[in-house]
C-alpha atoms as a PDB file:
ATOM      1  CA  MET A   1      46.317 120.486 143.604  1.00  0.00           C
ATOM      2  CA  ALA A   2      43.330 118.173 143.767  1.00  0.00           C
ATOM      3  CA  SER A   3      41.237 121.169 144.878  1.00  0.00           C
ATOM      4  CA  LYS A   4      41.403 124.158 147.195  1.00  0.00           C
ATOM      5  CA  PRO A   5      38.636 125.195 149.649  1.00  0.00           C
ATOM      6  CA  ILE A   6      35.957 127.278 147.890  1.00  0.00           C
ATOM      7  CA  LEU A   7      33.154 129.332 149.478  1.00  0.00           C
ATOM      8  CA  VAL A   8      29.870 128.298 147.845  1.00  0.00           C
ATOM      9  CA  ASP A   9      26.331 129.747 148.279  1.00  0.00           C
ATOM     10  CA  LEU A  10      24.129 126.642 148.674  1.00  0.00           C
ATOM     11  CA  ARG A  11      20.799 128.491 148.904  1.00  0.00           C
ATOM     12  CA  HIS A  12      20.284 127.702 145.222  1.00  0.00           C
ATOM     13  CA  ASP A  13      21.830 125.578 142.493  1.00  0.00           C
ATOM     14  CA  THR A  14      25.437 126.591 141.883  1.00  0.00           C
ATOM     15  CA  ALA A  15      27.986 125.560 139.264  1.00  0.00           C
ATOM     16  CA  VAL A  16      31.408 125.108 140.882  1.00  0.00           C
ATOM     17  CA  GLU A  17      34.737 125.076 139.024  1.00  0.00           C
ATOM     18  CA  PRO A  18      37.553 123.705 141.213  1.00  0.00           C
ATOM     19  CA  LYS A  19      40.532 126.050 141.496  1.00  0.00           C
ATOM     20  CA  ASP A  20      43.156 123.532 140.437  1.00  0.00           C
ATOM     21  CA  ASP A  21      46.821 124.382 140.016  1.00  0.00           C
ATOM     22  CA  ASN A  22      48.406 123.158 136.771  1.00  0.00           C
ATOM     23  CA  ILE A  23      52.123 123.744 137.183  1.00  0.00           C
ATOM     24  CA  PRO A  24      54.438 123.728 134.133  1.00  0.00           C
ATOM     25  CA  LEU A  25      57.551 121.704 133.399  1.00  0.00           C
ATOM     26  CA  GLU A  26      59.702 122.859 130.503  1.00  0.00           C
ATOM     27  CA  LYS A  27      63.169 121.641 129.633  1.00  0.00           C
ATOM     28  CA  LYS A  28      65.248 123.383 126.941  1.00  0.00           C
ATOM     29  CA  ILE A  29      68.720 123.213 125.439  1.00  0.00           C
ATOM     30  CA  VAL A  30      70.504 126.563 125.615  1.00  0.00           C
ATOM     31  CA  GLU A  31      72.035 127.402 122.215  1.00  0.00           C
ATOM     32  CA  GLY A  32      73.484 130.893 122.500  1.00  0.00           C
ATOM     33  CA  GLU A  33      70.464 133.178 122.839  1.00  0.00           C
ATOM     34  CA  ARG A  34      68.026 130.438 121.798  1.00  0.00           C
ATOM     35  CA  LEU A  35      66.150 127.872 123.886  1.00  0.00           C
ATOM     36  CA  VAL A  36      65.501 124.782 121.743  1.00  0.00           C
ATOM     37  CA  ASP A  37      64.184 121.220 122.025  1.00  0.00           C
ATOM     38  CA  ALA A  38      66.909 119.641 119.858  1.00  0.00           C
ATOM     39  CA  ASN A  39      70.473 120.403 118.784  1.00  0.00           C
ATOM     40  CA  ASN A  40      73.546 119.045 116.982  1.00  0.00           C
ATOM     41  CA  VAL A  41      76.963 118.676 118.633  1.00  0.00           C
ATOM     42  CA  SER A  42      80.195 116.714 118.352  1.00  0.00           C
ATOM     43  CA  ILE A  43      81.236 114.013 120.794  1.00  0.00           C
ATOM     44  CA  GLY A  44      82.949 115.691 123.731  1.00  0.00           C
ATOM     45  CA  ASP A  45      80.963 118.916 123.381  1.00  0.00           C
ATOM     46  CA  ARG A  46      79.209 120.536 126.324  1.00  0.00           C
ATOM     47  CA  ILE A  47      75.398 120.808 126.197  1.00  0.00           C
ATOM     48  CA  SER A  48      73.729 123.438 128.387  1.00  0.00           C
ATOM     49  CA  TYR A  49      70.227 122.893 129.801  1.00  0.00           C
ATOM     50  CA  GLN A  50      67.539 124.985 131.446  1.00  0.00           C
ATOM     51  CA  VAL A  51      64.503 123.631 133.297  1.00  0.00           C
ATOM     52  CA  ILE A  52      61.557 125.813 134.373  1.00  0.00           C
ATOM     53  CA  SER A  53      58.765 124.759 136.726  1.00  0.00           C
ATOM     54  CA  GLU A  54      56.725 126.152 139.594  1.00  0.00           C
ATOM     55  CA  ILE A  55      55.998 125.244 143.200  1.00  0.00           C
ATOM     56  CA  PRO A  56      52.260 124.619 143.768  1.00  0.00           C
ATOM     57  CA  GLU A  57      50.223 126.710 146.200  1.00  0.00           C
ATOM     58  CA  TYR A  58      48.865 124.893 149.236  1.00  0.00           C
ATOM     59  CA  GLU A  59      46.700 125.885 152.206  1.00  0.00           C
ATOM     60  CA  ALA A  60      48.238 128.391 154.586  1.00  0.00           C
ATOM     61  CA  ASN A  61      48.412 125.868 157.424  1.00  0.00           C
ATOM     62  CA  VAL A  62      49.798 123.005 155.312  1.00  0.00           C
ATOM     63  CA  ASP A  63      51.945 120.459 157.162  1.00  0.00           C
ATOM     64  CA  GLU A  64      55.352 120.915 155.516  1.00  0.00           C
ATOM     65  CA  LYS A  65      56.311 117.355 156.491  1.00  0.00           C
ATOM     66  CA  LYS A  66      53.907 116.167 153.807  1.00  0.00           C
ATOM     67  CA  LEU A  67      55.461 118.271 151.042  1.00  0.00           C
ATOM     68  CA  SER A  68      57.860 116.956 148.414  1.00  0.00           C
ATOM     69  CA  TYR A  69      59.177 118.370 145.143  1.00  0.00           C
ATOM     70  CA  VAL A  70      61.649 116.115 143.300  1.00  0.00           C
ATOM     71  CA  PHE A  71      63.349 116.398 139.896  1.00  0.00           C
ATOM     72  CA  THR A  72      64.861 113.310 138.261  1.00  0.00           C
ATOM     73  CA  ASP A  73      67.003 113.784 135.170  1.00  0.00           C
ATOM     74  CA  THR A  74      68.105 110.807 133.038  1.00  0.00           C
ATOM     75  CA  PHE A  75      70.812 111.178 130.383  1.00  0.00           C
ATOM     76  CA  THR A  76      71.347 108.909 127.348  1.00  0.00           C
ATOM     77  CA  HIS A  77      74.943 108.793 126.070  1.00  0.00           C
ATOM     78  CA  ILE A  78      75.522 112.046 127.934  1.00  0.00           C
ATOM     79  CA  THR A  79      77.289 112.543 131.264  1.00  0.00           C
ATOM     80  CA  PHE A  80      76.105 115.042 133.864  1.00  0.00           C
ATOM     81  CA  ASN A  81      78.770 117.676 134.589  1.00  0.00           C
ATOM     82  CA  ASN A  82      77.708 118.163 138.237  1.00  0.00           C
ATOM     83  CA  ASP A  83      77.362 121.922 137.780  1.00  0.00           C
ATOM     84  CA  LEU A  84      73.692 122.321 138.748  1.00  0.00           C
ATOM     85  CA  GLN A  85      72.356 125.648 140.022  1.00  0.00           C
ATOM     86  CA  VAL A  86      68.847 126.231 141.470  1.00  0.00           C
ATOM     87  CA  TYR A  87      67.024 129.589 141.389  1.00  0.00           C
ATOM     88  CA  ILE A  88      63.703 130.532 142.998  1.00  0.00           C
ATOM     89  CA  GLY A  89      61.396 133.281 141.735  1.00  0.00           C
ATOM     90  CA  GLU A  90      63.084 136.358 140.298  1.00  0.00           C
ATOM     91  CA  SER A  91      66.281 135.890 142.296  1.00  0.00           C
ATOM     92  CA  THR A  92      69.548 135.769 140.346  1.00  0.00           C
ATOM     93  CA  GLU A  93      71.328 134.224 143.322  1.00  0.00           C
ATOM     94  CA  ALA A  94      71.436 130.427 143.340  1.00  0.00           C
ATOM     95  CA  LEU A  95      70.124 128.518 146.350  1.00  0.00           C
ATOM     96  CA  SER A  96      72.669 127.212 148.811  1.00  0.00           C
ATOM     97  CA  ASP A  97      73.333 123.468 148.929  1.00  0.00           C
ATOM     98  CA  SER A  98      71.423 123.244 152.209  1.00  0.00           C
ATOM     99  CA  ALA A  99      68.150 124.148 150.424  1.00  0.00           C
ATOM    100  CA  TYR A 100      68.053 120.884 148.491  1.00  0.00           C
ATOM    101  CA  THR A 101      69.482 117.391 148.255  1.00  0.00           C
ATOM    102  CA  LEU A 102      71.307 116.415 145.071  1.00  0.00           C
ATOM    103  CA  ILE A 103      72.163 112.777 144.381  1.00  0.00           C
ATOM    104  CA  SER A 104      74.062 111.806 141.214  1.00  0.00           C
ATOM    105  CA  ASP A 105      74.785 108.196 140.249  1.00  0.00           C
ATOM    106  CA  ALA A 106      78.375 106.965 140.075  1.00  0.00           C
ATOM    107  CA  ASP A 107      78.526 107.195 136.267  1.00  0.00           C
ATOM    108  CA  SER A 108      76.883 110.652 136.140  1.00  0.00           C
ATOM    109  CA  LYS A 109      74.093 109.270 133.951  1.00  0.00           C
ATOM    110  CA  SER A 110      71.293 110.696 136.116  1.00  0.00           C
ATOM    111  CA  PHE A 111      70.616 112.869 139.127  1.00  0.00           C
ATOM    112  CA  THR A 112      67.820 113.463 141.630  1.00  0.00           C
ATOM    113  CA  LEU A 113      67.185 116.900 143.121  1.00  0.00           C
ATOM    114  CA  SER A 114      64.832 117.268 146.112  1.00  0.00           C
ATOM    115  CA  LEU A 115      63.860 120.680 147.478  1.00  0.00           C
ATOM    116  CA  SER A 116      63.631 120.851 151.238  1.00  0.00           C
ATOM    117  CA  ALA A 117      60.107 120.967 152.722  1.00  0.00           C
ATOM    118  CA  GLU A 118      60.876 124.375 154.228  1.00  0.00           C
ATOM    119  CA  VAL A 119      61.839 125.831 150.840  1.00  0.00           C
ATOM    120  CA  ILE A 120      58.674 124.390 149.275  1.00  0.00           C
ATOM    121  CA  LYS A 121      56.400 125.920 151.930  1.00  0.00           C
ATOM    122  CA  GLU A 122      58.108 129.317 151.898  1.00  0.00           C
ATOM    123  CA  ASN A 123      58.074 129.657 148.107  1.00  0.00           C
ATOM    124  CA  GLN A 124      54.601 128.480 147.109  1.00  0.00           C
ATOM    125  CA  GLY A 125      53.566 129.738 143.673  1.00  0.00           C
ATOM    126  CA  LYS A 126      57.093 130.800 142.727  1.00  0.00           C
ATOM    127  CA  THR A 127      59.072 129.735 139.673  1.00  0.00           C
ATOM    128  CA  VAL A 128      61.874 127.178 139.997  1.00  0.00           C
ATOM    129  CA  LYS A 129      64.723 127.303 137.473  1.00  0.00           C
ATOM    130  CA  LEU A 130      67.511 124.739 137.079  1.00  0.00           C
ATOM    131  CA  THR A 131      70.644 125.275 134.999  1.00  0.00           C
ATOM    132  CA  TYR A 132      73.257 122.588 134.347  1.00  0.00           C
ATOM    133  CA  SER A 133      75.154 120.867 131.550  1.00  0.00           C
ATOM    134  CA  GLY A 134      76.174 117.503 130.150  1.00  0.00           C
ATOM    135  CA  THR A 135      78.821 116.183 127.768  1.00  0.00           C
ATOM    136  CA  LEU A 136      78.111 113.938 124.777  1.00  0.00           C
ATOM    137  CA  THR A 137      80.071 110.695 125.197  1.00  0.00           C
ATOM    138  CA  GLU A 138      81.807 108.373 122.728  1.00  0.00           C
ATOM    139  CA  SER A 139      78.907 105.923 123.090  1.00  0.00           C
ATOM    140  CA  ALA A 140      76.542 108.444 121.446  1.00  0.00           C
ATOM    141  CA  LEU A 141      74.271 107.213 118.669  1.00  0.00           C
ATOM    142  CA  VAL A 142      75.531 108.570 115.343  1.00  0.00           C
ATOM    143  CA  ASP A 143      73.314 109.247 112.301  1.00  0.00           C
ATOM    144  CA  ASP A 144      70.312 108.082 114.316  1.00  0.00           C
ATOM    145  CA  PRO A 145      66.912 109.829 114.031  1.00  0.00           C
ATOM    146  CA  ASN A 146      66.210 108.838 117.653  1.00  0.00           C
ATOM    147  CA  GLY A 147      69.242 110.840 118.701  1.00  0.00           C
ATOM    148  CA  ASN A 148      70.520 110.997 122.263  1.00  0.00           C
ATOM    149  CA  PRO A 149      67.613 112.080 124.502  1.00  0.00           C
ATOM    150  CA  ASN A 150      67.680 113.712 127.907  1.00  0.00           C
ATOM    151  CA  ARG A 151      64.497 113.394 129.990  1.00  0.00           C
ATOM    152  CA  ILE A 152      63.458 115.381 133.061  1.00  0.00           C
ATOM    153  CA  GLU A 153      60.717 114.224 135.441  1.00  0.00           C
ATOM    154  CA  LEU A 154      59.054 116.104 138.286  1.00  0.00           C
ATOM    155  CA  ASP A 155      57.166 114.412 141.126  1.00  0.00           C
ATOM    156  CA  TYR A 156      55.481 116.670 143.673  1.00  0.00           C
ATOM    157  CA  THR A 157      52.856 116.658 146.406  1.00  0.00           C
ATOM    158  CA  ASN A 158      49.461 117.255 144.859  1.00  0.00           C
ATOM    159  CA  ASN A 159      47.017 117.242 147.773  1.00  0.00           C
ATOM    160  CA  PRO A 160      48.779 117.034 151.156  1.00  0.00           C
ATOM    161  CA  ASN A 161      45.466 116.074 152.794  1.00  0.00           C
ATOM    162  CA  GLN A 162      45.292 112.869 150.782  1.00  0.00           C
ATOM    163  CA  GLU A 163      47.795 110.091 151.261  1.00  0.00           C
ATOM    164  CA  ASP A 164      49.965 109.385 148.190  1.00  0.00           C
ATOM    165  CA  SER A 165      48.361 112.210 146.195  1.00  0.00           C
ATOM    166  CA  LYS A 166      51.212 113.010 143.798  1.00  0.00           C
ATOM    167  CA  GLY A 167      51.581 114.953 140.574  1.00  0.00           C
ATOM    168  CA  HIS A 168      53.937 113.780 137.823  1.00  0.00           C
ATOM    169  CA  LEU A 169      55.299 115.719 134.818  1.00  0.00           C
ATOM    170  CA  GLU A 170      57.869 114.913 132.115  1.00  0.00           C
ATOM    171  CA  ASP A 171      59.715 116.711 129.334  1.00  0.00           C
ATOM    172  CA  GLU A 172      62.532 115.749 126.961  1.00  0.00           C
ATOM    173  CA  VAL A 173      65.162 117.245 124.686  1.00  0.00           C
ATOM    174  CA  ILE A 174      67.317 115.483 122.072  1.00  0.00           C
ATOM    175  CA  THR A 175      70.895 115.872 120.858  1.00  0.00           C
ATOM    176  CA  TYR A 176      72.068 114.561 117.474  1.00  0.00           C
ATOM    177  CA  THR A 177      75.521 113.833 116.106  1.00  0.00           C
ATOM    178  CA  TYR A 178      76.781 112.616 112.718  1.00  0.00           C
ATOM    179  CA  GLY A 179      79.619 110.828 110.931  1.00  0.00           C
ATOM    180  CA  PHE A 180      81.100 109.612 107.662  1.00  0.00           C
ATOM    181  CA  ARG A 181      83.840 107.256 106.401  1.00  0.00           C
ATOM    182  CA  ILE A 182      86.866 107.875 104.197  1.00  0.00           C
ATOM    183  CA  ARG A 183      88.902 105.508 102.040  1.00  0.00           C
ATOM    184  CA  LYS A 184      91.621 106.148  99.441  1.00  0.00           C
ATOM    185  CA  VAL A 185      92.462 103.465  96.874  1.00  0.00           C
ATOM    186  CA  ASP A 186      93.905 103.108  93.392  1.00  0.00           C
ATOM    187  CA  LYS A 187      91.192 103.117  90.732  1.00  0.00           C
ATOM    188  CA  ASN A 188      92.223  99.743  89.305  1.00  0.00           C
ATOM    189  CA  ASP A 189      93.347  98.005  92.500  1.00  0.00           C
ATOM    190  CA  GLU A 190      91.889  99.086  95.813  1.00  0.00           C
ATOM    191  CA  TYR A 191      94.795  97.568  97.741  1.00  0.00           C
ATOM    192  CA  LYS A 192      97.525  99.105  95.607  1.00  0.00           C
ATOM    193  CA  ASP A 193      99.556 102.271  96.037  1.00  0.00           C
ATOM    194  CA  MET A 194      97.852 103.462  99.179  1.00  0.00           C
ATOM    195  CA  ALA A 195     101.095 103.300 101.165  1.00  0.00           C
ATOM    196  CA  GLY A 196     102.367 106.739 102.102  1.00  0.00           C
ATOM    197  CA  ALA A 197      99.170 108.731 101.586  1.00  0.00           C
ATOM    198  CA  ALA A 198      98.192 110.962 104.504  1.00  0.00           C
ATOM    199  CA  PHE A 199      95.041 113.000 105.117  1.00  0.00           C
ATOM    200  CA  GLU A 200      93.676 115.638 107.463  1.00  0.00           C
ATOM    201  CA  VAL A 201      90.062 116.470 108.260  1.00  0.00           C
ATOM    202  CA  THR A 202      89.295 120.059 109.203  1.00  0.00           C
ATOM    203  CA  ASP A 203      86.113 121.768 110.372  1.00  0.00           C
ATOM    204  CA  LYS A 204      84.571 124.983 109.033  1.00  0.00           C
ATOM    205  CA  ASP A 205      87.023 127.065 111.077  1.00  0.00           C
ATOM    206  CA  GLY A 206      90.027 125.260 109.614  1.00  0.00           C
ATOM    207  CA  LYS A 207      90.724 123.386 112.849  1.00  0.00           C
ATOM    208  CA  VAL A 208      92.195 119.921 112.327  1.00  0.00           C
ATOM    209  CA  ILE A 209      89.865 117.451 114.054  1.00  0.00           C
ATOM    210  CA  GLY A 210      91.513 114.276 112.802  1.00  0.00           C
ATOM    211  CA  SER A 211      94.282 112.825 110.667  1.00  0.00           C
ATOM    212  CA  PHE A 212      95.458 109.450 109.395  1.00  0.00           C
ATOM    213  CA  GLU A 213      97.863 107.841 106.934  1.00  0.00           C
ATOM    214  CA  TYR A 214      98.424 104.553 105.145  1.00  0.00           C
ATOM    215  CA  GLY A 215     101.300 102.298 106.185  1.00  0.00           C
ATOM    216  CA  ASN A 216     103.580 100.240 103.941  1.00  0.00           C
ATOM    217  CA  ASP A 217     101.081  97.385 103.777  1.00  0.00           C
ATOM    218  CA  GLY A 218      98.204  99.691 102.795  1.00  0.00           C
ATOM    219  CA  SER A 219      96.538  99.623 106.228  1.00  0.00           C
ATOM    220  CA  ILE A 220      95.617 102.797 108.087  1.00  0.00           C
ATOM    221  CA  VAL A 221      98.084 103.884 110.781  1.00  0.00           C
ATOM    222  CA  ASN A 222      98.633 106.907 113.004  1.00  0.00           C
ATOM    223  CA  ASN A 223      94.958 107.803 113.207  1.00  0.00           C
ATOM    224  CA  LYS A 224      94.431 110.760 115.546  1.00  0.00           C
ATOM    225  CA  GLY A 225      91.657 113.008 116.817  1.00  0.00           C
ATOM    226  CA  VAL A 226      88.123 111.935 115.936  1.00  0.00           C
ATOM    227  CA  ILE A 227      89.366 109.259 113.497  1.00  0.00           C
ATOM    228  CA  THR A 228      88.579 105.656 114.388  1.00  0.00           C
ATOM    229  CA  LEU A 229      89.017 102.585 112.187  1.00  0.00           C
ATOM    230  CA  GLU A 230      86.620 100.144 110.550  1.00  0.00           C
ATOM    231  CA  GLY A 231      88.669  97.750 108.461  1.00  0.00           C
ATOM    232  CA  ASN A 232      90.448  99.912 105.902  1.00  0.00           C
ATOM    233  CA  TYR A 233      88.123 102.878 106.411  1.00  0.00           C
ATOM    234  CA  ALA A 234      88.950 105.961 108.444  1.00  0.00           C
ATOM    235  CA  VAL A 235      85.764 106.795 110.345  1.00  0.00           C
ATOM    236  CA  ILE A 236      84.836 110.307 111.421  1.00  0.00           C
ATOM    237  CA  LYS A 237      82.314 109.543 114.137  1.00  0.00           C
ATOM    238  CA  GLY A 238      80.302 111.942 116.230  1.00  0.00           C
ATOM    239  CA  VAL A 239      80.609 115.379 114.642  1.00  0.00           C
ATOM    240  CA  ASP A 240      78.316 118.391 114.599  1.00  0.00           C
ATOM    241  CA  ALA A 241      76.366 119.517 111.557  1.00  0.00           C
ATOM    242  CA  GLY A 242      78.554 121.799 109.467  1.00  0.00           C
ATOM    243  CA  THR A 243      81.198 121.769 106.751  1.00  0.00           C
ATOM    244  CA  TYR A 244      84.257 119.506 106.831  1.00  0.00           C
ATOM    245  CA  THR A 245      87.175 119.341 104.406  1.00  0.00           C
ATOM    246  CA  ILE A 246      89.257 116.246 103.699  1.00  0.00           C
ATOM    247  CA  THR A 247      92.729 117.244 102.474  1.00  0.00           C
ATOM    248  CA  GLU A 248      95.549 115.018 101.286  1.00  0.00           C
ATOM    249  CA  THR A 249      98.746 116.192 103.020  1.00  0.00           C
ATOM    250  CA  LYS A 250     101.081 113.568 101.578  1.00  0.00           C
ATOM    251  CA  ALA A 251     100.817 111.482  98.400  1.00  0.00           C
ATOM    252  CA  PRO A 252     102.217 107.977  97.762  1.00  0.00           C
ATOM    253  CA  GLU A 253     105.501 107.795  95.903  1.00  0.00           C
ATOM    254  CA  GLY A 254     104.952 108.428  92.197  1.00  0.00           C
ATOM    255  CA  TYR A 255     101.579 110.072  92.730  1.00  0.00           C
ATOM    256  CA  SER A 256     100.723 113.748  92.752  1.00  0.00           C
ATOM    257  CA  ILE A 257      99.129 115.190  95.869  1.00  0.00           C
ATOM    258  CA  LEU A 258      95.436 115.995  95.532  1.00  0.00           C
ATOM    259  CA  GLY A 259      95.252 119.643  94.508  1.00  0.00           C
ATOM    260  CA  SER A 260      92.161 120.530  96.527  1.00  0.00           C
ATOM    261  CA  GLY A 261      90.110 118.954  99.256  1.00  0.00           C
ATOM    262  CA  VAL A 262      86.787 117.151  99.344  1.00  0.00           C
ATOM    263  CA  GLU A 263      84.140 119.204 101.110  1.00  0.00           C
ATOM    264  CA  ILE A 264      81.368 117.494 103.071  1.00  0.00           C
ATOM    265  CA  GLU A 265      78.483 119.683 104.230  1.00  0.00           C
ATOM    266  CA  ILE A 266      76.151 118.150 106.819  1.00  0.00           C
ATOM    267  CA  ALA A 267      72.944 120.160 107.225  1.00  0.00           C
ATOM    268  CA  ASP A 268      70.246 119.422 109.786  1.00  0.00           C
ATOM    269  CA  GLY A 269      68.240 122.297 111.254  1.00  0.00           C
ATOM    270  CA  ASP A 270      68.940 126.028 111.347  1.00  0.00           C
ATOM    271  CA  ASP A 271      67.735 129.176 113.109  1.00  0.00           C
ATOM    272  CA  THR A 272      64.166 128.480 111.998  1.00  0.00           C
ATOM    273  CA  ALA A 273      63.963 124.671 111.965  1.00  0.00           C
ATOM    274  CA  LEU A 274      65.044 122.158 114.591  1.00  0.00           C
ATOM    275  CA  PRO A 275      67.304 119.228 113.674  1.00  0.00           C
ATOM    276  CA  THR A 276      65.630 115.862 113.191  1.00  0.00           C
ATOM    277  CA  GLY A 277      68.592 113.484 112.944  1.00  0.00           C
ATOM    278  CA  LYS A 278      67.907 113.056 109.207  1.00  0.00           C
ATOM    279  CA  ALA A 279      70.656 115.158 107.739  1.00  0.00           C
ATOM    280  CA  VAL A 280      70.949 116.494 104.210  1.00  0.00           C
ATOM    281  CA  VAL A 281      74.435 115.962 102.814  1.00  0.00           C
ATOM    282  CA  LYS A 282      76.200 117.925 100.102  1.00  0.00           C
ATOM    283  CA  VAL A 283      79.483 116.602  98.707  1.00  0.00           C
ATOM    284  CA  THR A 284      81.699 118.942  96.673  1.00  0.00           C
ATOM    285  CA  THR A 285      84.792 117.597  94.930  1.00  0.00           C
ATOM    286  CA  SER A 286      87.064 119.634  92.741  1.00  0.00           C
ATOM    287  CA  ASN A 287      90.635 119.867  91.511  1.00  0.00           C
ATOM    288  CA  ALA A 288      91.731 123.434  90.978  1.00  0.00           C
ATOM    289  CA  SER A 289      94.763 122.335  88.921  1.00  0.00           C
ATOM    290  CA  LEU A 290      92.711 120.271  86.490  1.00  0.00           C
ATOM    291  CA  GLU A 291      92.106 122.115  83.219  1.00  0.00           C
ATOM    292  CA  THR A 292      90.689 119.686  80.671  1.00  0.00           C
ATOM    293  CA  LYS A 293      87.415 119.026  78.927  1.00  0.00           C
ATOM    294  CA  ASP A 294      87.941 115.253  78.998  1.00  0.00           C
ATOM    295  CA  GLU A 295      84.899 113.676  80.705  1.00  0.00           C
ATOM    296  CA  SER A 296      87.083 110.781  81.894  1.00  0.00           C
ATOM    297  CA  THR A 297      89.093 113.164  84.063  1.00  0.00           C
ATOM    298  CA  LYS A 298      86.147 114.735  85.886  1.00  0.00           C
ATOM    299  CA  ASN A 299      85.368 114.026  89.507  1.00  0.00           C
ATOM    300  CA  VAL A 300      82.080 112.167  89.851  1.00  0.00           C
ATOM    301  CA  THR A 301      79.719 111.221  92.656  1.00  0.00           C
ATOM    302  CA  GLU A 302      77.896 107.901  92.762  1.00  0.00           C
ATOM    303  CA  LEU A 303      75.233 106.522  95.082  1.00  0.00           C
ATOM    304  CA  GLN A 304      75.320 102.957  96.359  1.00  0.00           C
ATOM    305  CA  ASP A 305      72.108 101.634  97.866  1.00  0.00           C
ATOM    306  CA  ASN A 306      72.816  99.383 100.840  1.00  0.00           C
ATOM    307  CA  GLY A 307      69.273  98.002 100.825  1.00  0.00           C
ATOM    308  CA  ASP A 308      68.669  98.930 104.450  1.00  0.00           C
ATOM    309  CA  GLY A 309      67.503 102.516 104.037  1.00  0.00           C
ATOM    310  CA  THR A 310      71.020 103.981 103.967  1.00  0.00           C
ATOM    311  CA  ILE A 311      73.114 105.253 101.088  1.00  0.00           C
ATOM    312  CA  ASP A 312      76.895 105.195 100.571  1.00  0.00           C
ATOM    313  CA  VAL A 313      78.178 108.359  98.951  1.00  0.00           C
ATOM    314  CA  VAL A 314      81.171 107.404  96.786  1.00  0.00           C
ATOM    315  CA  VAL A 315      83.297 110.198  95.377  1.00  0.00           C
ATOM    316  CA  LYS A 316      85.802 109.400  92.621  1.00  0.00           C
ATOM    317  CA  ILE A 317      88.547 111.977  92.738  1.00  0.00           C
ATOM    318  CA  VAL A 318      90.806 112.386  89.711  1.00  0.00           C
ATOM    319  CA  ASN A 319      94.235 113.628  90.702  1.00  0.00           C
ATOM    320  CA  VAL A 320      96.276 114.766  87.694  1.00  0.00           C
ATOM    321  CA  ARG A 321      98.182 117.681  89.141  1.00  0.00           C
ATOM    322  CA  GLY A 322     101.311 118.442  87.150  1.00  0.00           C
ATOM    323  CA  ILE A 323     100.392 115.972  84.405  1.00  0.00           C
ATOM    324  CA  SER A 324      99.731 117.104  80.826  1.00  0.00           C
ATOM    325  CA  LEU A 325      96.605 115.358  79.526  1.00  0.00           C
ATOM    326  CA  PRO A 326      94.897 115.312  76.132  1.00  0.00           C
ATOM    327  CA  GLU A 327      91.718 117.355  75.877  1.00  0.00           C
ATOM    328  CA  THR A 328      89.725 114.468  74.473  1.00  0.00           C
ATOM    329  CA  GLY A 329      89.818 110.689  74.328  1.00  0.00           C
ATOM    330  CA  SER A 330      89.111 108.526  77.332  1.00  0.00           C
ATOM    331  CA  ALA A 331      91.156 105.666  75.799  1.00  0.00           C
ATOM    332  CA  ALA A 332      94.308 107.768  75.947  1.00  0.00           C
ATOM    333  CA  MET A 333      93.529 108.607  79.538  1.00  0.00           C
ATOM    334  CA  LEU A 334      93.141 104.941  80.473  1.00  0.00           C
ATOM    335  CA  MET A 335      96.471 104.147  78.863  1.00  0.00           C
ATOM    336  CA  CYS A 336      98.134 106.801  80.988  1.00  0.00           C
ATOM    337  CA  MET A 337      96.617 105.251  84.083  1.00  0.00           C
ATOM    338  CA  ALA A 338      97.733 101.737  83.194  1.00  0.00           C
ATOM    339  CA  GLY A 339     101.243 102.945  82.437  1.00  0.00           C
ATOM    340  CA  GLY A 340     101.543 104.723  85.733  1.00  0.00           C
ATOM    341  CA  ALA A 341     102.066 108.150  84.155  1.00  0.00           C
ATOM    342  CA  ALA A 342      98.997 109.555  85.914  1.00  0.00           C
ATOM    343  CA  ALA A 343      97.623 109.044  89.392  1.00  0.00           C
ATOM    344  CA  VAL A 344      93.955 108.330  89.969  1.00  0.00           C
ATOM    345  CA  LEU A 345      92.575 108.184  93.490  1.00  0.00           C
ATOM    346  CA  LEU A 346      89.278 106.756  94.550  1.00  0.00           C
ATOM    347  CA  GLY A 347      88.038 108.307  97.776  1.00  0.00           C
ATOM    348  CA  GLY A 348      85.092 106.576  99.396  1.00  0.00           C
ATOM    349  CA  LEU A 349      83.074 108.825 101.652  1.00  0.00           C
ATOM    350  CA  TYR A 350      80.219 107.385 103.648  1.00  0.00           C
ATOM    351  CA  PHE A 351      77.300 109.088 105.279  1.00  0.00           C
ATOM    352  CA  ALA A 352      74.232 107.168 106.516  1.00  0.00           C
ATOM    353  CA  LEU A 353      71.036 108.975 105.631  1.00  0.00           C
ATOM    354  CA  THR A 354      67.541 108.178 104.382  1.00  0.00           C
ATOM    355  CA  ARG A 355      66.962 108.485 100.662  1.00  0.00           C
ATOM    356  CA  ARG A 356      64.205 110.987 100.953  1.00  0.00           C
ATOM    357  CA  HIS A 357      66.491 113.375 102.805  1.00  0.00           C
ATOM    358  CA  ARG A 358      69.586 113.301 100.601  1.00  0.00           C
ATOM    359  CA  ARG A 359      70.847 116.037  98.330  1.00  0.00           C
ATOM    360  CA  ILE A 360      74.070 115.376  96.423  1.00  0.00           C
ATOM    361  CA  ASP A 361      75.836 117.953  94.226  1.00  0.00           C
END
């Protein structure tokens, strides 16, 4: 409100403080029992929102024709699920559709909600709560510190006795999503002996979220789930923070299947800290069947600087399951590789992150 009428004693000097109404606008993401300003999800996941505001208090004889109270919500790479509910005050019963006008654009990228003038006048000073949800789309920005924002705006009548006297408030929440790339090649020839290898990617619950295999010409075929292709890379794009395991389910002819998976842990935010879009990545590679002290047979992790602020995480996975190897002597190991008696796989795993936020084990 610009100001409400105030009784003032003018028989002497008087200091007057206008009784203005400062109404709130708060948008939050609902994560279980928590209300947060940012979260992590996978593409296709549902994101729940809650918006809290308040209807201003006007004069008792206010002309309701001059009252307006309008929410505008704009989604970025998120579609509105058209499941909005409106609550007034302490009521747990949602308003009927006749109490407001809801307009959503054809692509469900935004909506406008206008309370009726009658509802505004009858509920002055009461809380307004909106609940609704959106779904993260395939166009979502991945590994981006700007994330995928969702902005709410509120425009309302400020002083009904002044033409075009409007109040305006805004608030925003952000959703992040992540990704990495996978590639399997022969150590000595990246286009050799890939044919026939097949992989699955599972989440922390063991659910298969994607799979792919290499065809006879070494190109990736039969990619399913979240797997897309970039050249000869299988791309896991748009996944939540968490732990993922890459498991070889079928080895090329003459090669042993990888004895254990490659574990990728993506960490960004927790119960005490909000995600920022700058994830910390932990890569764990192991081979449970490998029992040797030969340094040349150990899995190693290397960093490749792309020169643009991102890092490629390259994991060299030694697969020697079922093969008897000498305890020492890298030369002997190399001879086995050249002769085809042992299988060595090079798995390239990519995750874009800033250097100052990486942690590699």
